[in-house]
Amino acid sequence: QYIKNIEHGYQCDIWIPAMNLIIECDGIYWHKYPERTDIDNIRTQELIEKGFKVLRLLENEIRIMSLQEFDKKLKEVI
């Protein structure tokens, strides 16, 4: 889903409208650069200010994450 109602609009990875939840799956290659992390932090803050819930997960974290761990992280943001 393209998120355009924030200053730094972009195509999010997963949007669950019923929960107003955005899940970002940050790949290691692109997100190892500080400027990428900076814009991610800016977008996350803008989304939260607009009422979205945001869950950011790193690629290496996703690969080893159990369903229970994912559920715990999800409950932390909703």
PDB file of N, CA and C in Angstrom:
ATOM      1  N   GLN A   1       0.847  -1.177   0.000  1.00  0.00           N
ATOM      2  CA  GLN A   1       0.000   0.000   0.000  1.00  0.00           C
ATOM      3  C   GLN A   1       0.891   1.238   0.000  1.00  0.00           C
ATOM      4  N   TYR A   2       0.567   2.181  -0.862  1.00  0.00           N
ATOM      5  CA  TYR A   2       1.317   3.436  -0.853  1.00  0.00           C
ATOM      6  C   TYR A   2       0.725   4.334   0.227  1.00  0.00           C
ATOM      7  N   ILE A   3       1.576   4.803   1.124  1.00  0.00           N
ATOM      8  CA  ILE A   3       1.157   5.675   2.208  1.00  0.00           C
ATOM      9  C   ILE A   3       1.503   7.096   1.787  1.00  0.00           C
ATOM     10  N   LYS A   4       0.477   7.905   1.508  1.00  0.00           N
ATOM     11  CA  LYS A   4       0.736   9.242   0.986  1.00  0.00           C
ATOM     12  C   LYS A   4       0.320  10.355   1.936  1.00  0.00           C
ATOM     13  N   ASN A   5      -0.326  10.022   3.047  1.00  0.00           N
ATOM     14  CA  ASN A   5      -0.784  11.088   3.939  1.00  0.00           C
ATOM     15  C   ASN A   5       0.236  11.439   5.024  1.00  0.00           C
ATOM     16  N   ILE A   6       1.515  11.162   4.731  1.00  0.00           N
ATOM     17  CA  ILE A   6       2.617  11.612   5.588  1.00  0.00           C
ATOM     18  C   ILE A   6       3.590  12.389   4.700  1.00  0.00           C
ATOM     19  N   GLU A   7       4.409  13.199   5.314  1.00  0.00           N
ATOM     20  CA  GLU A   7       5.337  14.040   4.538  1.00  0.00           C
ATOM     21  C   GLU A   7       6.269  13.212   3.657  1.00  0.00           C
ATOM     22  N   HIS A   8       6.798  12.125   4.209  1.00  0.00           N
ATOM     23  CA  HIS A   8       7.736  11.267   3.480  1.00  0.00           C
ATOM     24  C   HIS A   8       7.007  10.003   3.016  1.00  0.00           C
ATOM     25  N   GLY A   9       6.036  10.168   2.104  1.00  0.00           N
ATOM     26  CA  GLY A   9       5.244   9.045   1.622  1.00  0.00           C
ATOM     27  C   GLY A   9       6.110   7.942   1.013  1.00  0.00           C
ATOM     28  N   TYR A  10       5.587   6.730   1.022  1.00  0.00           N
ATOM     29  CA  TYR A  10       6.334   5.581   0.503  1.00  0.00           C
ATOM     30  C   TYR A  10       5.421   4.370   0.401  1.00  0.00           C
ATOM     31  N   GLN A  11       5.913   3.317  -0.233  1.00  0.00           N
ATOM     32  CA  GLN A  11       5.218   2.041  -0.371  1.00  0.00           C
ATOM     33  C   GLN A  11       5.568   1.176   0.838  1.00  0.00           C
ATOM     34  N   CYS A  12       4.585   0.929   1.698  1.00  0.00           N
ATOM     35  CA  CYS A  12       4.875   0.100   2.881  1.00  0.00           C
ATOM     36  C   CYS A  12       4.877  -1.373   2.489  1.00  0.00           C
ATOM     37  N   ASP A  13       5.454  -2.215   3.332  1.00  0.00           N
ATOM     38  CA  ASP A  13       5.522  -3.650   3.045  1.00  0.00           C
ATOM     39  C   ASP A  13       4.176  -4.333   3.272  1.00  0.00           C
ATOM     40  N   ILE A  14       3.598  -4.149   4.444  1.00  0.00           N
ATOM     41  CA  ILE A  14       2.317  -4.787   4.779  1.00  0.00           C
ATOM     42  C   ILE A  14       1.454  -3.769   5.506  1.00  0.00           C
ATOM     43  N   TRP A  15       0.205  -3.648   5.079  1.00  0.00           N
ATOM     44  CA  TRP A  15      -0.747  -2.778   5.764  1.00  0.00           C
ATOM     45  C   TRP A  15      -1.981  -3.599   6.081  1.00  0.00           C
ATOM     46  N   ILE A  16      -2.382  -3.592   7.350  1.00  0.00           N
ATOM     47  CA  ILE A  16      -3.582  -4.293   7.790  1.00  0.00           C
ATOM     48  C   ILE A  16      -4.580  -3.221   8.224  1.00  0.00           C
ATOM     49  N   PRO A  17      -5.474  -2.825   7.309  1.00  0.00           N
ATOM     50  CA  PRO A  17      -6.384  -1.714   7.591  1.00  0.00           C
ATOM     51  C   PRO A  17      -7.242  -1.917   8.839  1.00  0.00           C
ATOM     52  N   ALA A  18      -7.735  -3.120   9.060  1.00  0.00           N
ATOM     53  CA  ALA A  18      -8.623  -3.373  10.207  1.00  0.00           C
ATOM     54  C   ALA A  18      -7.935  -3.070  11.536  1.00  0.00           C
ATOM     55  N   MET A  19      -6.607  -3.171  11.562  1.00  0.00           N
ATOM     56  CA  MET A  19      -5.846  -2.913  12.785  1.00  0.00           C
ATOM     57  C   MET A  19      -5.106  -1.577  12.713  1.00  0.00           C
ATOM     58  N   ASN A  20      -5.201  -0.903  11.551  1.00  0.00           N
ATOM     59  CA  ASN A  20      -4.429   0.319  11.300  1.00  0.00           C
ATOM     60  C   ASN A  20      -2.942   0.072  11.582  1.00  0.00           C
ATOM     61  N   LEU A  21      -2.482  -1.082  11.125  1.00  0.00           N
ATOM     62  CA  LEU A  21      -1.136  -1.574  11.413  1.00  0.00           C
ATOM     63  C   LEU A  21      -0.306  -1.655  10.146  1.00  0.00           C
ATOM     64  N   ILE A  22       0.904  -1.136  10.226  1.00  0.00           N
ATOM     65  CA  ILE A  22       1.882  -1.260   9.151  1.00  0.00           C
ATOM     66  C   ILE A  22       3.034  -2.106   9.672  1.00  0.00           C
ATOM     67  N   ILE A  23       3.391  -3.128   8.897  1.00  0.00           N
ATOM     68  CA  ILE A  23       4.525  -3.981   9.241  1.00  0.00           C
ATOM     69  C   ILE A  23       5.600  -3.742   8.193  1.00  0.00           C
ATOM     70  N   GLU A  24       6.770  -3.355   8.649  1.00  0.00           N
ATOM     71  CA  GLU A  24       7.909  -3.116   7.771  1.00  0.00           C
ATOM     72  C   GLU A  24       8.932  -4.227   7.963  1.00  0.00           C
ATOM     73  N   CYS A  25       9.340  -4.837   6.864  1.00  0.00           N
ATOM     74  CA  CYS A  25      10.350  -5.898   6.869  1.00  0.00           C
ATOM     75  C   CYS A  25      11.617  -5.305   6.265  1.00  0.00           C
ATOM     76  N   ASP A  26      12.530  -4.914   7.122  1.00  0.00           N
ATOM     77  CA  ASP A  26      13.725  -4.190   6.706  1.00  0.00           C
ATOM     78  C   ASP A  26      14.845  -5.149   6.319  1.00  0.00           C
ATOM     79  N   GLY A  27      15.175  -5.165   5.036  1.00  0.00           N
ATOM     80  CA  GLY A  27      16.261  -5.996   4.544  1.00  0.00           C
ATOM     81  C   GLY A  27      17.611  -5.471   5.007  1.00  0.00           C
ATOM     82  N   ILE A  28      18.513  -6.376   5.265  1.00  0.00           N
ATOM     83  CA  ILE A  28      19.835  -6.020   5.771  1.00  0.00           C
ATOM     84  C   ILE A  28      20.608  -5.164   4.769  1.00  0.00           C
ATOM     85  N   TYR A  29      20.522  -5.482   3.481  1.00  0.00           N
ATOM     86  CA  TYR A  29      21.323  -4.755   2.487  1.00  0.00           C
ATOM     87  C   TYR A  29      20.998  -3.266   2.501  1.00  0.00           C
ATOM     88  N   TRP A  30      19.732  -2.903   2.372  1.00  0.00           N
ATOM     89  CA  TRP A  30      19.366  -1.491   2.273  1.00  0.00           C
ATOM     90  C   TRP A  30      19.377  -0.777   3.605  1.00  0.00           C
ATOM     91  N   HIS A  31      19.100  -1.497   4.665  1.00  0.00           N
ATOM     92  CA  HIS A  31      18.945  -0.849   5.962  1.00  0.00           C
ATOM     93  C   HIS A  31      20.227  -0.846   6.805  1.00  0.00           C
ATOM     94  N   LYS A  32      21.344  -1.178   6.181  1.00  0.00           N
ATOM     95  CA  LYS A  32      22.625  -1.092   6.897  1.00  0.00           C
ATOM     96  C   LYS A  32      23.218   0.315   6.800  1.00  0.00           C
ATOM     97  N   TYR A  33      22.658   1.129   5.916  1.00  0.00           N
ATOM     98  CA  TYR A  33      23.165   2.481   5.722  1.00  0.00           C
ATOM     99  C   TYR A  33      22.467   3.455   6.673  1.00  0.00           C
ATOM    100  N   PRO A  34      23.226   4.291   7.370  1.00  0.00           N
ATOM    101  CA  PRO A  34      22.619   5.217   8.339  1.00  0.00           C
ATOM    102  C   PRO A  34      21.524   6.101   7.757  1.00  0.00           C
ATOM    103  N   GLU A  35      21.698   6.552   6.506  1.00  0.00           N
ATOM    104  CA  GLU A  35      20.672   7.415   5.923  1.00  0.00           C
ATOM    105  C   GLU A  35      19.343   6.681   5.736  1.00  0.00           C
ATOM    106  N   ARG A  36      19.388   5.380   5.491  1.00  0.00           N
ATOM    107  CA  ARG A  36      18.158   4.579   5.378  1.00  0.00           C
ATOM    108  C   ARG A  36      17.502   4.458   6.749  1.00  0.00           C
ATOM    109  N   THR A  37      18.300   4.209   7.766  1.00  0.00           N
ATOM    110  CA  THR A  37      17.763   4.108   9.122  1.00  0.00           C
ATOM    111  C   THR A  37      17.150   5.429   9.543  1.00  0.00           C
ATOM    112  N   ASP A  38      17.799   6.533   9.186  1.00  0.00           N
ATOM    113  CA  ASP A  38      17.272   7.853   9.537  1.00  0.00           C
ATOM    114  C   ASP A  38      15.894   8.082   8.923  1.00  0.00           C
ATOM    115  N   ILE A  39      15.741   7.802   7.629  1.00  0.00           N
ATOM    116  CA  ILE A  39      14.446   8.023   6.983  1.00  0.00           C
ATOM    117  C   ILE A  39      13.401   7.042   7.494  1.00  0.00           C
ATOM    118  N   ASP A  40      13.816   5.832   7.821  1.00  0.00           N
ATOM    119  CA  ASP A  40      12.887   4.864   8.427  1.00  0.00           C
ATOM    120  C   ASP A  40      12.346   5.404   9.744  1.00  0.00           C
ATOM    121  N   ASN A  41      13.225   5.950  10.558  1.00  0.00           N
ATOM    122  CA  ASN A  41      12.805   6.508  11.850  1.00  0.00           C
ATOM    123  C   ASN A  41      11.860   7.692  11.660  1.00  0.00           C
ATOM    124  N   ILE A  42      12.154   8.524  10.675  1.00  0.00           N
ATOM    125  CA  ILE A  42      11.290   9.672  10.386  1.00  0.00           C
ATOM    126  C   ILE A  42       9.911   9.188   9.944  1.00  0.00           C
ATOM    127  N   ARG A  43       9.882   8.248   9.009  1.00  0.00           N
ATOM    128  CA  ARG A  43       8.597   7.726   8.520  1.00  0.00           C
ATOM    129  C   ARG A  43       7.813   7.053   9.643  1.00  0.00           C
ATOM    130  N   THR A  44       8.496   6.275  10.462  1.00  0.00           N
ATOM    131  CA  THR A  44       7.817   5.606  11.574  1.00  0.00           C
ATOM    132  C   THR A  44       7.163   6.633  12.484  1.00  0.00           C
ATOM    133  N   GLN A  45       7.874   7.691  12.817  1.00  0.00           N
ATOM    134  CA  GLN A  45       7.320   8.732  13.684  1.00  0.00           C
ATOM    135  C   GLN A  45       6.131   9.428  13.024  1.00  0.00           C
ATOM    136  N   GLU A  46       6.255   9.722  11.731  1.00  0.00           N
ATOM    137  CA  GLU A  46       5.149  10.355  11.005  1.00  0.00           C
ATOM    138  C   GLU A  46       3.914   9.459  10.996  1.00  0.00           C
ATOM    139  N   LEU A  47       4.117   8.156  10.796  1.00  0.00           N
ATOM    140  CA  LEU A  47       3.003   7.210  10.789  1.00  0.00           C
ATOM    141  C   LEU A  47       2.326   7.151  12.152  1.00  0.00           C
ATOM    142  N   ILE A  48       3.114   7.078  13.200  1.00  0.00           N
ATOM    143  CA  ILE A  48       2.566   7.029  14.554  1.00  0.00           C
ATOM    144  C   ILE A  48       1.771   8.301  14.843  1.00  0.00           C
ATOM    145  N   GLU A  49       2.287   9.445  14.419  1.00  0.00           N
ATOM    146  CA  GLU A  49       1.582  10.712  14.624  1.00  0.00           C
ATOM    147  C   GLU A  49       0.250  10.753  13.878  1.00  0.00           C
ATOM    148  N   LYS A  50       0.124   9.995  12.776  1.00  0.00           N
ATOM    149  CA  LYS A  50      -1.127   9.917  12.016  1.00  0.00           C
ATOM    150  C   LYS A  50      -2.052   8.818  12.547  1.00  0.00           C
ATOM    151  N   GLY A  51      -1.627   8.141  13.618  1.00  0.00           N
ATOM    152  CA  GLY A  51      -2.486   7.135  14.237  1.00  0.00           C
ATOM    153  C   GLY A  51      -2.234   5.697  13.827  1.00  0.00           C
ATOM    154  N   PHE A  52      -1.223   5.470  12.985  1.00  0.00           N
ATOM    155  CA  PHE A  52      -0.878   4.104  12.604  1.00  0.00           C
ATOM    156  C   PHE A  52      -0.089   3.430  13.724  1.00  0.00           C
ATOM    157  N   LYS A  53      -0.207   2.121  13.790  1.00  0.00           N
ATOM    158  CA  LYS A  53       0.676   1.318  14.625  1.00  0.00           C
ATOM    159  C   LYS A  53       1.736   0.769  13.675  1.00  0.00           C
ATOM    160  N   VAL A  54       2.990   0.758  14.110  1.00  0.00           N
ATOM    161  CA  VAL A  54       4.080   0.352  13.218  1.00  0.00           C
ATOM    162  C   VAL A  54       4.933  -0.715  13.898  1.00  0.00           C
ATOM    163  N   LEU A  55       5.123  -1.819  13.192  1.00  0.00           N
ATOM    164  CA  LEU A  55       6.010  -2.884  13.646  1.00  0.00           C
ATOM    165  C   LEU A  55       7.121  -3.019  12.621  1.00  0.00           C
ATOM    166  N   ARG A  56       8.347  -2.767  13.042  1.00  0.00           N
ATOM    167  CA  ARG A  56       9.512  -2.887  12.157  1.00  0.00           C
ATOM    168  C   ARG A  56      10.284  -4.142  12.555  1.00  0.00           C
ATOM    169  N   LEU A  57      10.589  -4.962  11.573  1.00  0.00           N
ATOM    170  CA  LEU A  57      11.338  -6.191  11.798  1.00  0.00           C
ATOM    171  C   LEU A  57      12.512  -6.236  10.833  1.00  0.00           C
ATOM    172  N   LEU A  58      13.669  -6.627  11.335  1.00  0.00           N
ATOM    173  CA  LEU A  58      14.845  -6.796  10.483  1.00  0.00           C
ATOM    174  C   LEU A  58      14.836  -8.174   9.840  1.00  0.00           C
ATOM    175  N   GLU A  59      15.368  -8.237   8.632  1.00  0.00           N
ATOM    176  CA  GLU A  59      15.422  -9.487   7.870  1.00  0.00           C
ATOM    177  C   GLU A  59      16.013 -10.640   8.681  1.00  0.00           C
ATOM    178  N   ASN A  60      17.154 -10.401   9.326  1.00  0.00           N
ATOM    179  CA  ASN A  60      17.792 -11.499  10.081  1.00  0.00           C
ATOM    180  C   ASN A  60      16.960 -11.894  11.294  1.00  0.00           C
ATOM    181  N   GLU A  61      16.179 -10.979  11.820  1.00  0.00           N
ATOM    182  CA  GLU A  61      15.290 -11.263  12.943  1.00  0.00           C
ATOM    183  C   GLU A  61      14.110 -12.129  12.465  1.00  0.00           C
ATOM    184  N   ILE A  62      13.567 -11.806  11.299  1.00  0.00           N
ATOM    185  CA  ILE A  62      12.427 -12.542  10.748  1.00  0.00           C
ATOM    186  C   ILE A  62      12.797 -13.991  10.468  1.00  0.00           C
ATOM    187  N   ARG A  63      13.997 -14.199   9.959  1.00  0.00           N
ATOM    188  CA  ARG A  63      14.426 -15.550   9.562  1.00  0.00           C
ATOM    189  C   ARG A  63      14.430 -16.553  10.714  1.00  0.00           C
ATOM    190  N   ILE A  64      14.682 -16.079  11.927  1.00  0.00           N
ATOM    191  CA  ILE A  64      14.788 -17.011  13.053  1.00  0.00           C
ATOM    192  C   ILE A  64      13.622 -16.873  14.049  1.00  0.00           C
ATOM    193  N   MET A  65      12.703 -15.963  13.760  1.00  0.00           N
ATOM    194  CA  MET A  65      11.617 -15.660  14.687  1.00  0.00           C
ATOM    195  C   MET A  65      10.557 -16.771  14.701  1.00  0.00           C
ATOM    196  N   SER A  66      10.183 -17.167  15.905  1.00  0.00           N
ATOM    197  CA  SER A  66       9.083 -18.123  16.040  1.00  0.00           C
ATOM    198  C   SER A  66       7.758 -17.352  16.007  1.00  0.00           C
ATOM    199  N   LEU A  67       6.667 -18.073  15.833  1.00  0.00           N
ATOM    200  CA  LEU A  67       5.355 -17.432  15.860  1.00  0.00           C
ATOM    201  C   LEU A  67       5.086 -16.778  17.211  1.00  0.00           C
ATOM    202  N   GLN A  68       5.559 -17.411  18.276  1.00  0.00           N
ATOM    203  CA  GLN A  68       5.369 -16.853  19.613  1.00  0.00           C
ATOM    204  C   GLN A  68       6.118 -15.523  19.756  1.00  0.00           C
ATOM    205  N   GLU A  69       7.330 -15.453  19.213  1.00  0.00           N
ATOM    206  CA  GLU A  69       8.108 -14.212  19.258  1.00  0.00           C
ATOM    207  C   GLU A  69       7.431 -13.119  18.432  1.00  0.00           C
ATOM    208  N   PHE A  70       6.917 -13.504  17.266  1.00  0.00           N
ATOM    209  CA  PHE A  70       6.207 -12.534  16.439  1.00  0.00           C
ATOM    210  C   PHE A  70       4.962 -12.020  17.166  1.00  0.00           C
ATOM    211  N   ASP A  71       4.217 -12.922  17.760  1.00  0.00           N
ATOM    212  CA  ASP A  71       3.015 -12.548  18.504  1.00  0.00           C
ATOM    213  C   ASP A  71       3.359 -11.575  19.630  1.00  0.00           C
ATOM    214  N   LYS A  72       4.455 -11.825  20.330  1.00  0.00           N
ATOM    215  CA  LYS A  72       4.878 -10.940  21.414  1.00  0.00           C
ATOM    216  C   LYS A  72       5.204  -9.535  20.876  1.00  0.00           C
ATOM    217  N   LYS A  73       5.951  -9.477  19.776  1.00  0.00           N
ATOM    218  CA  LYS A  73       6.294  -8.176  19.171  1.00  0.00           C
ATOM    219  C   LYS A  73       5.041  -7.455  18.674  1.00  0.00           C
ATOM    220  N   LEU A  74       4.134  -8.195  18.102  1.00  0.00           N
ATOM    221  CA  LEU A  74       2.898  -7.611  17.618  1.00  0.00           C
ATOM    222  C   LEU A  74       2.086  -7.019  18.765  1.00  0.00           C
ATOM    223  N   LYS A  75       1.988  -7.740  19.855  1.00  0.00           N
ATOM    224  CA  LYS A  75       1.241  -7.248  21.016  1.00  0.00           C
ATOM    225  C   LYS A  75       1.876  -5.997  21.633  1.00  0.00           C
ATOM    226  N   GLU A  76       3.173  -5.813  21.436  1.00  0.00           N
ATOM    227  CA  GLU A  76       3.848  -4.626  21.957  1.00  0.00           C
ATOM    228  C   GLU A  76       3.421  -3.357  21.233  1.00  0.00           C
ATOM    229  N   VAL A  77       2.969  -3.482  19.976  1.00  0.00           N
ATOM    230  CA  VAL A  77       2.587  -2.280  19.216  1.00  0.00           C
ATOM    231  C   VAL A  77       1.077  -2.084  19.105  1.00  0.00           C
ATOM    232  N   ILE A  78       0.314  -3.141  19.330  1.00  0.00           N
ATOM    233  CA  ILE A  78      -1.143  -2.974  19.238  1.00  0.00           C
ATOM    234  C   ILE A  78      -1.739  -2.897  20.587  1.00  0.00           C
TER     235      ILE A  78
END
